[in-house]
Each structure stands twice: as C-alpha cells, then as structure tokens.
C-alpha cells in the first residue's frame, strides 16, 4: 500500500500534460499587457502625427491668405465655419468635429516677455494649451504680414485605461488623451486689403 502511494506520487511528478497551460498562464498575462501597451502607444503616435500634419496644412492655408479669402454668404468665414469647413475635413473620419478645439491668435514681434512669449509657460519650456472649449478660444487669422499662432487640440478617447501615454484628463465626462499641435508663422504678402481682421484681433 505504501509503495503504491509512492509510485503514484512519482508518476504525478513526471506528468507534464498540464505544464504548457501553467506556463502560458504565467507568461500570458504579461504578454497580453505588453501587446496592449504597444498597440496603445502606436495608436497615440499615429494620431499625434495626423494632427501635426493637419496643423501644418492649415497653417499653410492661413499663411498664404487662402483662409482669409474664404467667404460664406458674402461674409468672412467664422470660427465655427473654419472648424467645420477647413479643419475637420482634413482629420480622420473617426474624429468628432464637435470635439475639435481650434485657437488662432496673432501676436507682435517683441522681446521677452511680450510677443510670442505671451503663449509660453513661465519656464519657457512649452506652449500653454488653449482652453478646452471653442467658446473661450480666439479666431484671429491675421492680415498680410501678421504673426500667427495656430493651435489645434483633440481629446482622443482612450482605448484602455491601463496604458495612457501623454496627458490624460476628463473631457465631457470621459477620460481622454489630449492631442495638441501648434504652428507659429508669419503670413505671406498676399494682396493687401483683401482681408480686414475683425475688431479685437
């Protein structure tokens, strides 16, 4: 009887039929989260690159006076029309145009702390993000020769809550990653008098 017990325990110790399942259980979870993190980081980089390309394209349109020459019902294009008709068509179809935040401001050529430095944080390490509402942003695209700062922000919903590279905040009750792109430039000498900035710009 005792010998039978020993023989059964030895057979159990040599049995490898469940080893693969146990080993996969040990490495499967870390592997899954590594793959998930890779996908999340890749998705983040892709969307940042898309937003940067769109920002540069729109900056070129403002710089050359193309946006300034746009009219709707014989009226200069408004901030909402600019966002709907110019910005959003260049973004991926998965982006909600209602969540796209656009801020366009002009500035003067001046030494610190004036001019462009008005948009920089106190440590001069980065640009300040615009408000998270289009009702609080500016739309001053500038006439010929004006210095312009274009900022486009998009609150990208998170794929998961596990990996979240970049700035994460709450937007409309949802956890999002803020994608933020900037372009500072000087408008080219397009025909003078073709665009008159509205008051306050």
Protein backbone atom coordinates (compact mmCIF):
# COMPACT_ATOMS: atom_id res chain seq x y z
CA UNK A 1 0.00 0.00 0.00
CA UNK A 2 2.76 2.44 0.95
CA UNK A 3 4.69 1.51 -2.20
CA UNK A 4 1.59 2.17 -4.32
CA UNK A 5 1.31 5.70 -2.85
CA UNK A 6 4.96 6.43 -3.61
CA UNK A 7 4.57 5.12 -7.15
CA UNK A 8 1.53 7.34 -7.75
CA UNK A 9 3.33 10.44 -6.41
CA UNK A 10 6.33 9.75 -8.63
CA UNK A 11 4.05 9.36 -11.67
CA UNK A 12 2.34 12.63 -10.77
CA UNK A 13 5.71 14.37 -10.57
CA UNK A 14 6.68 13.12 -14.03
CA UNK A 15 3.33 14.07 -15.63
CA UNK A 16 3.87 17.11 -17.94
CA UNK A 17 0.42 17.23 -19.54
CA UNK A 18 -0.61 20.45 -17.74
CA UNK A 19 2.78 22.16 -17.86
CA UNK A 20 2.02 24.13 -21.04
CA UNK A 21 -1.19 25.51 -19.60
CA UNK A 22 0.54 26.55 -16.38
CA UNK A 23 3.47 28.13 -18.24
CA UNK A 24 1.12 30.02 -20.56
CA UNK A 25 -0.83 31.23 -17.55
CA UNK A 26 2.39 32.62 -16.05
CA UNK A 27 3.54 34.46 -19.17
CA UNK A 28 0.21 35.05 -20.94
CA UNK A 29 -0.96 37.96 -18.81
CA UNK A 30 2.31 39.95 -19.01
CA UNK A 31 2.45 39.23 -22.75
CA UNK A 32 -1.13 40.44 -23.23
CA UNK A 33 -0.47 43.71 -21.41
CA UNK A 34 2.77 44.23 -23.33
CA UNK A 35 0.93 43.85 -26.63
CA UNK A 36 -1.87 46.10 -25.39
CA UNK A 37 0.66 48.77 -24.39
CA UNK A 38 2.35 48.53 -27.79
CA UNK A 39 -0.96 48.99 -29.61
CA UNK A 40 -1.92 51.91 -27.36
CA UNK A 41 1.43 53.66 -27.88
CA UNK A 42 1.26 53.10 -31.64
CA UNK A 43 -2.28 54.46 -31.78
CA UNK A 44 -1.15 57.52 -29.83
CA UNK A 45 1.83 58.19 -32.14
CA UNK A 46 -0.30 57.75 -35.26
CA UNK A 47 -2.90 60.27 -34.08
CA UNK A 48 -0.25 62.79 -33.00
CA UNK A 49 1.35 62.56 -36.43
CA UNK A 50 -2.03 63.02 -38.14
CA UNK A 51 -2.80 66.11 -36.07
CA UNK A 52 0.65 67.60 -36.73
CA UNK A 53 0.25 67.12 -40.49
CA UNK A 54 -3.22 68.68 -40.46
CA UNK A 55 -1.97 71.64 -38.41
CA UNK A 56 0.85 72.29 -40.88
CA UNK A 57 -1.55 72.08 -43.82
CA UNK A 58 -3.97 74.55 -42.24
CA UNK A 59 -1.13 76.88 -41.23
CA UNK A 60 -0.09 76.97 -44.89
CA UNK A 61 -3.65 77.90 -45.91
CA UNK A 62 -3.72 80.78 -43.42
CA UNK A 63 -0.18 81.89 -44.27
CA UNK A 64 -0.95 82.19 -47.99
CA UNK A 65 -4.25 84.02 -47.46
CA UNK A 66 -6.46 81.15 -48.65
CA UNK A 67 -8.50 81.17 -45.45
CA UNK A 68 -8.71 84.97 -45.39
CA UNK A 69 -10.25 84.93 -48.88
CA UNK A 70 -12.98 82.43 -47.94
CA UNK A 71 -16.48 83.81 -47.63
CA UNK A 72 -19.86 82.28 -46.86
CA UNK A 73 -22.89 84.33 -47.88
CA UNK A 74 -20.51 87.18 -48.74
CA UNK A 75 -19.28 87.24 -45.15
CA UNK A 76 -15.77 86.37 -43.93
CA UNK A 77 -15.53 82.83 -42.61
CA UNK A 78 -16.35 82.49 -38.90
CA UNK A 79 -14.54 80.40 -36.29
CA UNK A 80 -17.24 77.69 -36.38
CA UNK A 81 -17.23 77.64 -40.19
CA UNK A 82 -13.43 77.48 -40.21
CA UNK A 83 -13.50 74.47 -37.93
CA UNK A 84 -16.30 72.72 -39.86
CA UNK A 85 -15.24 73.53 -43.44
CA UNK A 86 -11.44 73.73 -43.20
CA UNK A 87 -10.14 71.79 -40.20
CA UNK A 88 -12.47 68.81 -39.81
CA UNK A 89 -12.42 67.59 -43.45
CA UNK A 90 -8.65 67.06 -43.12
CA UNK A 91 -8.99 64.96 -39.96
CA UNK A 92 -9.75 61.21 -39.89
CA UNK A 93 -13.44 60.28 -40.13
CA UNK A 94 -13.20 58.77 -36.64
CA UNK A 95 -12.69 62.24 -35.13
CA UNK A 96 -15.78 64.04 -33.84
CA UNK A 97 -15.76 67.58 -35.25
CA UNK A 98 -17.70 68.78 -32.19
CA UNK A 99 -14.68 67.89 -30.04
CA UNK A 100 -12.04 69.60 -32.19
CA UNK A 101 -10.72 72.71 -30.46
CA UNK A 102 -9.10 75.42 -32.57
CA UNK A 103 -7.32 78.52 -31.29
CA UNK A 104 -5.82 81.09 -33.69
CA UNK A 105 -4.16 84.22 -32.34
CA UNK A 106 -1.99 86.98 -33.73
CA UNK A 107 0.95 88.46 -31.90
CA UNK A 108 3.51 91.19 -32.36
CA UNK A 109 7.23 90.84 -32.84
CA UNK A 110 8.54 91.75 -29.41
CA UNK A 111 11.23 90.77 -26.93
CA UNK A 112 10.52 88.82 -23.75
CA UNK A 113 8.06 88.97 -22.03
CA UNK A 114 5.90 90.25 -24.89
CA UNK A 115 5.02 88.91 -28.31
CA UNK A 116 5.17 85.14 -28.72
CA UNK A 117 6.28 84.75 -25.10
CA UNK A 118 2.72 85.53 -24.01
CA UNK A 119 1.80 82.00 -25.09
CA UNK A 120 4.71 80.24 -23.34
CA UNK A 121 4.75 78.93 -19.76
CA UNK A 122 6.85 80.66 -17.11
CA UNK A 123 9.71 78.17 -17.51
CA UNK A 124 9.67 78.78 -21.30
CA UNK A 125 9.66 75.04 -21.81
CA UNK A 126 6.39 74.64 -23.71
CA UNK A 127 3.38 76.44 -25.12
CA UNK A 128 0.30 76.81 -22.96
CA UNK A 129 -2.65 74.70 -24.09
CA UNK A 130 -5.77 76.57 -25.21
CA UNK A 131 -8.99 76.36 -23.19
CA UNK A 132 -10.95 73.13 -23.63
CA UNK A 133 -13.90 74.97 -25.16
CA UNK A 134 -14.29 76.71 -28.51
CA UNK A 135 -16.37 79.39 -26.79
CA UNK A 136 -13.20 80.50 -24.97
CA UNK A 137 -10.70 80.33 -27.83
CA UNK A 138 -9.73 83.03 -30.34
CA UNK A 139 -10.08 83.21 -34.11
CA UNK A 140 -7.65 85.86 -35.33
CA UNK A 141 -6.08 84.64 -38.57
CA UNK A 142 -4.35 87.94 -39.29
CA UNK A 143 -3.91 90.04 -42.39
CA UNK A 144 -0.86 90.10 -44.62
CA UNK A 145 2.42 90.15 -42.69
CA UNK A 146 0.82 89.25 -39.34
CA UNK A 147 2.45 86.82 -36.92
CA UNK A 148 0.05 83.98 -36.16
CA UNK A 149 -0.11 81.13 -33.67
CA UNK A 150 -2.34 78.21 -34.66
CA UNK A 151 -3.25 75.61 -32.03
CA UNK A 152 -5.39 72.55 -32.65
CA UNK A 153 -6.36 70.25 -29.81
CA UNK A 154 -8.28 67.00 -29.90
CA UNK A 155 -9.39 64.96 -26.85
CA UNK A 156 -8.77 61.41 -28.06
CA UNK A 157 -10.75 58.74 -26.17
CA UNK A 158 -8.56 56.11 -24.54
CA UNK A 159 -8.53 52.60 -25.97
CA UNK A 160 -7.93 51.26 -22.46
CA UNK A 161 -7.41 52.67 -19.00
CA UNK A 162 -4.34 50.51 -18.48
CA UNK A 163 -1.82 52.30 -20.68
CA UNK A 164 -2.24 56.01 -21.19
CA UNK A 165 0.87 57.78 -22.51
CA UNK A 166 0.65 61.55 -22.65
CA UNK A 167 -1.64 63.96 -20.87
CA UNK A 168 -4.84 62.32 -19.63
CA UNK A 169 -7.78 64.39 -18.47
CA UNK A 170 -11.58 64.33 -18.37
CA UNK A 171 -13.49 65.86 -21.27
CA UNK A 172 -17.29 65.76 -21.36
CA UNK A 173 -17.23 63.13 -18.61
CA UNK A 174 -14.86 60.81 -20.47
CA UNK A 175 -11.19 60.02 -19.87
CA UNK A 176 -9.22 61.27 -22.88
CA UNK A 177 -5.67 61.90 -24.03
CA UNK A 178 -5.12 65.47 -25.17
CA UNK A 179 -3.51 65.66 -28.61
CA UNK A 180 -2.08 69.13 -29.06
CA UNK A 181 -0.37 70.60 -32.13
CA UNK A 182 0.97 74.10 -32.78
CA UNK A 183 2.28 76.18 -35.67
CA UNK A 184 3.71 79.70 -35.41
CA UNK A 185 4.34 81.60 -38.64
CA UNK A 186 4.23 84.93 -40.45
CA UNK A 187 1.58 85.48 -43.09
CA UNK A 188 2.90 85.93 -46.60
CA UNK A 189 2.31 89.18 -48.52
CA UNK A 190 -0.99 88.22 -50.11
CA UNK A 191 -2.94 91.12 -51.67
CA UNK A 192 -3.29 93.93 -49.13
CA UNK A 193 -6.81 94.93 -48.24
CA UNK A 194 -8.26 91.57 -49.22
CA UNK A 195 -8.92 90.75 -45.57
CA UNK A 196 -9.77 93.07 -42.71
CA UNK A 197 -9.34 91.50 -39.26
CA UNK A 198 -12.41 91.82 -37.04
CA UNK A 199 -12.30 94.07 -34.02
CA UNK A 200 -10.44 92.54 -31.11
CA UNK A 201 -7.82 90.84 -33.31
